[in-house]
Amino acid sequence: MRKRFDEQFKAKVSLEAVKEEQTLQELAEKYQVHPNQISAWKKKLLEQSATIFERKNKKDEEYVQLKKEKEELFRQLGEMQYQNEWLKKKIQTAVRKRSRLIEPKEPRLSIRMQCSLPSIPRSGVYYRARPRRKLHEQYHEAIRQISETKPLYGYRKVALELKGRMPTLTEKQVRRIMQNLQIKAFHAKRNTSVKHPMNPIYPYLLKDKEIRYPNQVWSTDLTYIKLPDAGYVYLTAILDVYSRKVLSWRISNSMDSRFCEEALQEAISRYGAPAIFNTDQRSQFTSNTFTQILQNYHISISMDGRGRWRDNVHIERLWRTVKYEDIYLQGYEDIGSLKRGLRSYFKFYNQERFHQNLDYETPNQRYESFQMHVLEA
């Protein structure tokens, strides 16, 4: 039968062989083991003795590796927390918009977790709005009537119109009602006009100038109106810049300077001479006869820069108002009806129309209030 040796015997014989105090043959005779077997045990003992000390090093390496992995996980966790806080700051929009991010059927994130990430209260997610009842239904008809008769009015002017009849109705309520009724003020789109530079050219005197009283600065310009059958006619007006009051106006079927001079003479005869008169560089206002009238009254002449419609923005704004609030709505077909309509509109413009830039005063109120203040002083 083949002999079997236990581990202790193998260790004892291997150690004797490692000591090398006896030969393998002597050890074989002593322990009754073949020399080749003793040689194999010795070799195995030497190999395993090296690994005994390496095991501790492996454990150290595993510990260091685990420590590094742990530190990396903490670093990633801190970075994720910082990114989460940064994201919360960046998405501070309306709760209603953030609520659209919630996905109730998301399998891996509960609604509670989804709400906590963008800071959304769960009540807003579960809430279902009730149908809104009609707001101030008793006022709808009155607002519709104002919008039909005066489509140029926005919610502020409609609120002013209703102030006498319905003092409890605020501007915000009027705005909400008009939004629900889909009523909007009829106004012009943005547009620019091209000037026609002509000589002589006078400097622009209104840059950074504060306009503090009526008749300090007057302004004028010319615009065209297309009639269906009569072709083009031309409108000019004299405007007091401080009060936005239209001092005089004229209609002509030609572009000569005569009707512009007549409007200027009428304004001076009724309201006196201004300190500064501002125009653009078109030929009607640079003609010798027109500028001579201004010089006779010792009026300083100011002219816009080339292509600088903003230099005379108040009269440009008047043209937009006149066309979109009266001419385009009425659809005049001849000069006679146009003159009658403009006469009525300019009366309304000066006496009844509220101006936002005048703190919702009319031009006549602003013009006359300063005159009364001067007389009282």
Protein backbone atom coordinates (compact mmCIF):
# COMPACT_ATOMS: atom_id res chain seq x y z
CA MET A 1 0.00 0.00 0.00
CA ARG A 2 1.05 3.60 -0.69
CA LYS A 3 2.20 5.45 2.39
CA ARG A 4 0.37 8.63 3.45
CA PHE A 5 2.09 11.32 5.56
CA ASP A 6 0.36 14.02 7.57
CA GLU A 7 1.19 17.72 7.33
CA GLN A 8 3.25 17.82 10.51
CA PHE A 9 5.52 15.02 9.27
CA LYS A 10 5.96 16.74 5.93
CA ALA A 11 6.84 20.00 7.65
CA LYS A 12 9.36 18.28 9.95
CA VAL A 13 11.16 16.50 7.09
CA SER A 14 11.07 19.64 4.91
CA LEU A 15 12.64 21.75 7.65
CA GLU A 16 15.40 19.14 8.12
CA ALA A 17 16.07 19.29 4.39
CA VAL A 18 16.12 23.08 4.43
CA LYS A 19 18.72 23.07 7.24
CA GLU A 20 20.97 21.06 4.91
CA GLU A 21 22.75 19.36 7.85
CA GLN A 22 22.09 15.97 6.29
CA THR A 23 21.90 14.76 2.74
CA LEU A 24 18.66 13.73 1.14
CA GLN A 25 19.81 10.13 1.14
CA GLU A 26 20.46 10.25 4.89
CA LEU A 27 17.06 11.85 5.50
CA ALA A 28 15.42 9.23 3.30
CA GLU A 29 16.93 6.42 5.29
CA LYS A 30 16.11 8.18 8.58
CA TYR A 31 12.42 8.83 7.79
CA GLN A 32 11.86 5.97 5.29
CA VAL A 33 10.85 8.41 2.53
CA HIS A 34 12.10 8.50 -1.05
CA PRO A 35 14.67 11.31 -1.65
CA ASN A 36 12.67 12.72 -4.55
CA GLN A 37 9.69 13.12 -2.25
CA ILE A 38 11.78 14.99 0.32
CA SER A 39 13.13 17.23 -2.45
CA ALA A 40 9.58 18.05 -3.57
CA TRP A 41 8.51 18.88 -0.01
CA LYS A 42 11.55 21.13 0.42
CA LYS A 43 10.79 22.97 -2.81
CA LYS A 44 7.15 23.45 -1.83
CA LEU A 45 8.14 24.70 1.61
CA LEU A 46 10.48 27.30 0.11
CA GLU A 47 7.84 28.51 -2.34
CA GLN A 48 5.10 28.76 0.27
CA SER A 49 7.36 30.51 2.73
CA ALA A 50 7.59 33.44 0.33
CA THR A 51 3.82 33.63 -0.08
CA ILE A 52 3.31 33.66 3.69
CA PHE A 53 4.83 37.15 3.88
CA GLU A 54 3.15 38.25 0.69
CA ARG A 55 -0.33 37.64 2.09
CA LYS A 56 -0.02 40.52 4.52
CA ASN A 57 1.11 42.77 1.69
CA LYS A 58 -1.91 41.72 -0.34
CA LYS A 59 -4.19 42.58 2.51
CA ASP A 60 -2.53 45.97 2.78
CA GLU A 61 -2.95 46.55 -0.92
CA GLU A 62 -6.59 45.52 -0.75
CA TYR A 63 -7.11 47.86 2.20
CA VAL A 64 -5.45 50.74 0.34
CA GLN A 65 -7.53 49.99 -2.75
CA LEU A 66 -10.73 49.90 -0.74
CA LYS A 67 -9.77 53.17 0.92
CA LYS A 68 -9.17 54.79 -2.45
CA GLU A 69 -12.50 53.51 -3.77
CA LYS A 70 -14.25 54.82 -0.66
CA GLU A 71 -12.64 58.25 -1.06
CA GLU A 72 -13.64 58.30 -4.73
CA LEU A 73 -17.23 57.43 -3.83
CA PHE A 74 -17.33 60.23 -1.25
CA ARG A 75 -15.87 62.63 -3.81
CA GLN A 76 -18.50 61.67 -6.38
CA LEU A 77 -21.22 62.01 -3.74
CA GLY A 78 -20.04 65.50 -2.81
CA GLU A 79 -19.88 66.49 -6.46
CA MET A 80 -23.40 65.19 -7.04
CA GLN A 81 -24.67 67.16 -4.04
CA TYR A 82 -23.03 70.34 -5.34
CA GLN A 83 -24.48 69.78 -8.82
CA ASN A 84 -27.89 69.16 -7.29
CA GLU A 85 -27.76 72.43 -5.32
CA TRP A 86 -26.54 74.31 -8.41
CA LEU A 87 -29.37 72.85 -10.48
CA LYS A 88 -31.94 73.88 -7.86
CA LYS A 89 -30.72 77.48 -8.04
CA LYS A 90 -30.81 77.54 -11.83
CA ILE A 91 -34.34 76.19 -12.21
CA GLN A 92 -36.02 78.62 -9.83
CA THR A 93 -38.79 79.27 -12.36
CA ALA A 94 -42.49 79.17 -11.66
CA VAL A 95 -43.67 76.13 -9.76
CA ARG A 96 -46.17 75.44 -12.51
CA LYS A 97 -43.39 75.10 -15.08
CA ARG A 98 -41.22 72.96 -12.80
CA SER A 99 -44.18 70.71 -12.08
CA ARG A 100 -44.12 69.64 -15.73
CA LEU A 101 -40.86 67.81 -15.01
CA ILE A 102 -42.64 65.29 -12.78
CA GLU A 103 -43.31 61.87 -14.34
CA PRO A 104 -45.79 59.91 -12.20
CA LYS A 105 -44.99 56.63 -14.00
CA GLU A 106 -41.23 56.86 -13.52
CA PRO A 107 -40.25 53.36 -12.21
CA ARG A 108 -37.05 54.21 -10.33
CA LEU A 109 -37.95 57.58 -8.75
CA SER A 110 -40.97 58.14 -6.55
CA ILE A 111 -43.00 61.33 -6.84
CA ARG A 112 -41.64 62.39 -3.45
CA MET A 113 -38.06 62.11 -4.74
CA GLN A 114 -38.90 63.80 -8.05
CA CYS A 115 -40.44 66.73 -6.15
CA SER A 116 -37.49 67.06 -3.76
CA LEU A 117 -34.92 67.37 -6.57
CA PRO A 118 -36.32 70.60 -8.15
CA SER A 119 -37.86 71.82 -4.84
CA ILE A 120 -41.49 71.38 -5.84
CA PRO A 121 -44.20 70.95 -3.20
CA ARG A 122 -46.10 67.74 -3.76
CA SER A 123 -49.38 69.50 -3.18
CA GLY A 124 -48.83 71.38 -6.43
CA VAL A 125 -48.38 68.12 -8.32
CA TYR A 126 -51.52 66.50 -6.97
CA TYR A 127 -53.65 69.68 -7.20
CA ARG A 128 -56.27 69.84 -9.93
CA ALA A 129 -57.63 73.32 -10.67
CA ARG A 130 -61.32 73.87 -10.66
CA PRO A 131 -62.97 75.58 -13.65
CA ARG A 132 -62.66 79.34 -13.18
CA ARG A 133 -65.91 81.19 -12.90
CA LYS A 134 -66.48 84.19 -15.11
CA LEU A 135 -64.78 87.24 -13.60
CA HIS A 136 -66.98 90.31 -13.03
CA GLU A 137 -69.45 89.25 -15.69
CA GLN A 138 -71.61 92.31 -15.04
CA TYR A 139 -68.85 94.56 -16.45
CA HIS A 140 -68.21 92.67 -19.68
CA GLU A 141 -70.76 94.51 -21.77
CA ALA A 142 -69.51 97.95 -20.70
CA ILE A 143 -65.91 97.05 -21.56
CA ARG A 144 -66.99 95.63 -24.93
CA GLN A 145 -68.81 98.87 -25.77
CA ILE A 146 -65.76 100.99 -24.92
CA SER A 147 -63.51 98.75 -27.01
CA GLU A 148 -65.88 98.94 -29.97
CA THR A 149 -66.25 102.73 -29.89
CA LYS A 150 -62.60 103.39 -28.94
CA PRO A 151 -60.52 100.40 -30.11
CA LEU A 152 -57.35 102.40 -29.53
CA TYR A 153 -57.80 102.15 -25.72
CA GLY A 154 -55.77 99.64 -23.71
CA TYR A 155 -56.75 98.40 -20.27
CA ARG A 156 -55.40 101.52 -18.50
CA LYS A 157 -57.53 103.92 -20.54
CA VAL A 158 -60.54 101.63 -20.35
CA ALA A 159 -60.16 101.65 -16.55
CA LEU A 160 -60.05 105.45 -16.59
CA GLU A 161 -63.17 105.53 -18.75
CA LEU A 162 -64.98 103.26 -16.28
CA LYS A 163 -63.74 105.07 -13.20
CA GLY A 164 -66.74 107.37 -12.97
CA ARG A 165 -69.34 104.64 -13.48
CA MET A 166 -67.63 101.74 -11.72
CA PRO A 167 -65.15 103.07 -9.15
CA THR A 168 -64.59 99.64 -7.56
CA LEU A 169 -63.07 98.16 -10.74
CA THR A 170 -59.26 98.29 -10.69
CA GLU A 171 -56.79 98.34 -13.59
CA LYS A 172 -55.72 94.76 -12.92
CA GLN A 173 -59.32 93.58 -12.97
CA VAL A 174 -59.94 95.40 -16.27
CA ARG A 175 -56.81 93.83 -17.72
CA ARG A 176 -57.92 90.34 -16.65
CA ILE A 177 -61.41 90.87 -18.09
CA MET A 178 -59.98 92.10 -21.42
CA GLN A 179 -57.65 89.09 -21.53
CA ASN A 180 -60.57 86.72 -20.95
CA LEU A 181 -62.62 88.49 -23.61
CA GLN A 182 -59.59 88.53 -25.95
CA ILE A 183 -59.82 92.30 -26.40
CA LYS A 184 -56.64 94.14 -27.36
CA ALA A 185 -55.95 97.77 -28.17
CA PHE A 186 -55.58 98.57 -31.84
CA HIS A 187 -52.07 99.96 -32.29
CA ALA A 188 -49.38 100.33 -34.90
CA LYS A 189 -46.49 98.03 -35.58
CA ARG A 190 -42.95 99.32 -35.36
CA ASN A 191 -41.87 101.19 -38.43
CA THR A 192 -39.31 103.73 -39.56
CA SER A 193 -39.45 106.57 -42.07
CA VAL A 194 -36.82 107.78 -44.49
CA LYS A 195 -35.92 111.46 -44.44
CA HIS A 196 -34.97 113.55 -47.45
CA PRO A 197 -31.93 115.71 -46.60
CA MET A 198 -32.02 119.16 -48.20
CA ASN A 199 -30.03 122.37 -47.73
CA PRO A 200 -29.69 124.61 -45.82
CA ILE A 201 -29.14 122.42 -42.77
CA TYR A 202 -29.42 123.77 -39.23
CA PRO A 203 -27.93 122.04 -36.16
CA TYR A 204 -30.00 119.82 -33.87
CA LEU A 205 -30.61 121.74 -30.62
CA LEU A 206 -32.61 119.23 -28.54
CA LYS A 207 -29.91 116.74 -27.57
CA ASP A 208 -30.04 116.19 -23.77
CA LYS A 209 -32.30 119.23 -23.48
CA GLU A 210 -34.92 119.20 -20.73
CA ILE A 211 -38.32 120.43 -21.91
CA ARG A 212 -40.02 122.01 -18.90
CA TYR A 213 -42.85 124.27 -20.14
CA PRO A 214 -45.25 124.87 -23.08
CA ASN A 215 -44.03 126.83 -26.11
CA GLN A 216 -40.45 125.94 -25.26
CA VAL A 217 -40.18 123.53 -28.21
CA TRP A 218 -42.51 123.05 -31.15
CA SER A 219 -42.15 120.28 -33.67
CA THR A 220 -43.54 119.64 -37.14
CA ASP A 221 -43.44 117.03 -39.85
CA LEU A 222 -45.28 115.93 -42.96
CA THR A 223 -46.92 112.58 -43.71
CA TYR A 224 -48.92 111.18 -46.60
CA ILE A 225 -52.41 109.63 -46.58
CA LYS A 226 -53.70 107.40 -49.36
CA LEU A 227 -57.33 107.88 -50.38
CA PRO A 228 -59.06 105.15 -52.43
CA ASP A 229 -60.07 107.29 -55.42
CA ALA A 230 -58.30 110.63 -54.88
CA GLY A 231 -54.74 109.30 -54.67
CA TYR A 232 -52.34 110.72 -52.10
CA VAL A 233 -52.85 113.77 -49.91
CA TYR A 234 -50.42 115.23 -47.38
CA LEU A 235 -50.91 116.15 -43.74
CA THR A 236 -48.76 118.48 -41.63
CA ALA A 237 -49.21 119.46 -37.99
CA ILE A 238 -47.54 121.71 -35.40
CA LEU A 239 -47.04 119.95 -32.04
CA ASP A 240 -46.12 121.44 -28.67
CA VAL A 241 -43.60 118.90 -27.35
CA TYR A 242 -44.15 119.60 -23.64
CA SER A 243 -47.94 119.05 -23.65
CA ARG A 244 -48.28 116.98 -26.91
CA LYS A 245 -50.98 119.46 -27.93
CA VAL A 246 -51.68 119.78 -31.67
CA LEU A 247 -51.58 123.54 -32.21
CA SER A 248 -52.55 123.57 -35.89
CA TRP A 249 -52.73 121.29 -38.92
CA ARG A 250 -53.31 121.42 -42.67
CA ILE A 251 -54.19 119.02 -45.52
CA SER A 252 -52.87 119.50 -49.08
CA ASN A 253 -53.02 117.55 -52.34
CA SER A 254 -49.49 118.68 -53.28
CA MET A 255 -46.15 118.81 -51.52
CA ASP A 256 -45.44 122.52 -51.86
CA SER A 257 -44.45 124.49 -48.76
CA ARG A 258 -47.51 126.78 -48.74
CA PHE A 259 -49.77 124.63 -46.52
CA CYS A 260 -46.87 124.09 -44.06
CA GLU A 261 -46.38 127.88 -43.85
CA GLU A 262 -50.11 128.40 -43.26
CA ALA A 263 -50.08 125.90 -40.37
CA LEU A 264 -47.05 127.67 -38.85
CA GLN A 265 -48.62 131.13 -39.14
CA GLU A 266 -51.86 129.92 -37.55
CA ALA A 267 -50.06 128.33 -34.60
CA ILE A 268 -47.99 131.47 -33.92
CA SER A 269 -51.02 133.76 -34.19
CA ARG A 270 -53.01 131.65 -31.71
CA TYR A 271 -50.34 130.60 -29.19
CA GLY A 272 -47.38 132.96 -29.67
CA ALA A 273 -43.84 132.12 -30.79
CA PRO A 274 -41.88 129.20 -29.33
CA ALA A 275 -38.24 129.33 -28.26
CA ILE A 276 -37.16 126.43 -30.53
CA PHE A 277 -38.79 124.99 -33.63
CA ASN A 278 -37.66 121.50 -34.68
CA THR A 279 -38.15 119.97 -38.14
CA ASP A 280 -36.53 117.44 -40.41
CA GLN A 281 -34.47 118.31 -43.50
CA ARG A 282 -37.16 118.01 -46.17
CA SER A 283 -37.55 120.79 -48.73
CA GLN A 284 -40.82 122.20 -47.33
CA PHE A 285 -39.14 123.13 -44.02
CA THR A 286 -35.79 124.25 -45.43
CA SER A 287 -37.36 126.60 -47.98
CA ASN A 288 -36.52 130.30 -47.67
CA THR A 289 -40.14 131.32 -47.04
CA PHE A 290 -40.61 128.84 -44.19
CA THR A 291 -37.34 129.59 -42.43
CA GLN A 292 -37.88 133.32 -42.92
CA ILE A 293 -41.09 133.15 -40.86
CA LEU A 294 -39.14 131.57 -38.00
CA GLN A 295 -36.37 134.13 -38.25
CA ASN A 296 -38.85 137.02 -38.23
CA TYR A 297 -40.11 135.84 -34.83
CA HIS A 298 -36.54 135.18 -33.57
CA ILE A 299 -37.24 131.47 -33.22
CA SER A 300 -34.21 129.16 -32.99
CA ILE A 301 -34.29 126.57 -35.79
CA SER A 302 -33.41 122.95 -35.01
CA MET A 303 -33.23 120.15 -37.57
CA ASP A 304 -32.95 116.38 -37.23
CA GLY A 305 -29.84 114.55 -38.32
CA ARG A 306 -29.93 112.64 -41.58
CA GLY A 307 -32.01 109.49 -41.12
CA ARG A 308 -32.48 110.35 -37.42
CA TRP A 309 -36.23 109.88 -37.02
CA ARG A 310 -35.73 109.56 -33.24
CA ASP A 311 -34.69 113.23 -33.10
CA ASN A 312 -38.30 114.13 -33.91
CA VAL A 313 -39.94 111.14 -32.27
CA HIS A 314 -42.89 113.02 -30.74
CA ILE A 315 -44.35 114.07 -34.10
CA GLU A 316 -43.61 110.60 -35.53
CA ARG A 317 -45.57 109.14 -32.63
CA LEU A 318 -48.43 111.53 -33.43
CA TRP A 319 -48.61 110.21 -37.02
CA ARG A 320 -48.83 106.65 -35.77
CA THR A 321 -51.58 107.60 -33.34
CA VAL A 322 -53.61 109.53 -35.92
CA LYS A 323 -53.41 106.83 -38.57
CA TYR A 324 -54.15 103.83 -36.36
CA GLU A 325 -56.75 105.50 -34.18
CA ASP A 326 -58.68 107.39 -36.84
CA ILE A 327 -57.63 107.22 -40.51
CA TYR A 328 -57.28 103.45 -40.85
CA LEU A 329 -60.47 102.86 -38.87
CA GLN A 330 -62.65 105.37 -40.69
CA GLY A 331 -61.46 104.65 -44.24
CA TYR A 332 -61.97 108.16 -45.64
CA GLU A 333 -62.67 108.23 -49.39
CA ASP A 334 -62.23 111.93 -50.24
CA ILE A 335 -60.50 115.05 -48.95
CA GLY A 336 -63.72 116.58 -47.60
CA SER A 337 -64.56 113.65 -45.33
CA LEU A 338 -60.89 113.41 -44.33
CA LYS A 339 -60.79 117.03 -43.20
CA ARG A 340 -64.03 116.70 -41.26
CA GLY A 341 -62.84 113.50 -39.62
CA LEU A 342 -59.43 114.93 -38.66
CA ARG A 343 -61.06 118.06 -37.27
CA SER A 344 -63.16 115.88 -34.97
CA TYR A 345 -60.27 113.59 -34.08
CA PHE A 346 -57.80 116.38 -33.20
CA LYS A 347 -60.47 117.92 -30.98
CA PHE A 348 -60.82 114.56 -29.21
CA TYR A 349 -57.00 114.19 -29.13
CA ASN A 350 -56.47 117.55 -27.40
CA GLN A 351 -59.46 117.55 -25.07
CA GLU A 352 -60.37 113.95 -24.19
CA ARG A 353 -57.61 111.48 -25.05
CA PHE A 354 -55.56 110.34 -22.05
CA HIS A 355 -51.77 110.26 -22.58
CA GLN A 356 -49.67 107.78 -20.66
CA ASN A 357 -46.56 109.98 -20.91
CA LEU A 358 -48.55 112.86 -19.41
CA ASP A 359 -49.59 110.82 -16.36
CA TYR A 360 -52.93 110.24 -18.08
CA GLU A 361 -53.72 113.92 -18.53
CA THR A 362 -55.04 115.28 -21.81
CA PRO A 363 -52.83 117.67 -23.85
CA ASN A 364 -55.13 120.60 -23.05
CA GLN A 365 -54.96 119.85 -19.33
CA ARG A 366 -51.16 119.75 -19.37
CA TYR A 367 -50.87 122.89 -21.53
CA GLU A 368 -53.40 124.95 -19.56
CA SER A 369 -52.34 123.75 -16.11
CA PHE A 370 -48.87 125.23 -16.62
CA GLN A 371 -50.38 128.50 -17.85
CA MET A 372 -52.59 128.70 -14.75
CA HIS A 373 -49.59 127.95 -12.51
CA VAL A 374 -47.68 130.82 -14.11
CA LEU A 375 -50.59 133.23 -13.64
CA GLU A 376 -50.99 132.23 -9.97
CA ALA A 377 -47.29 132.68 -9.35
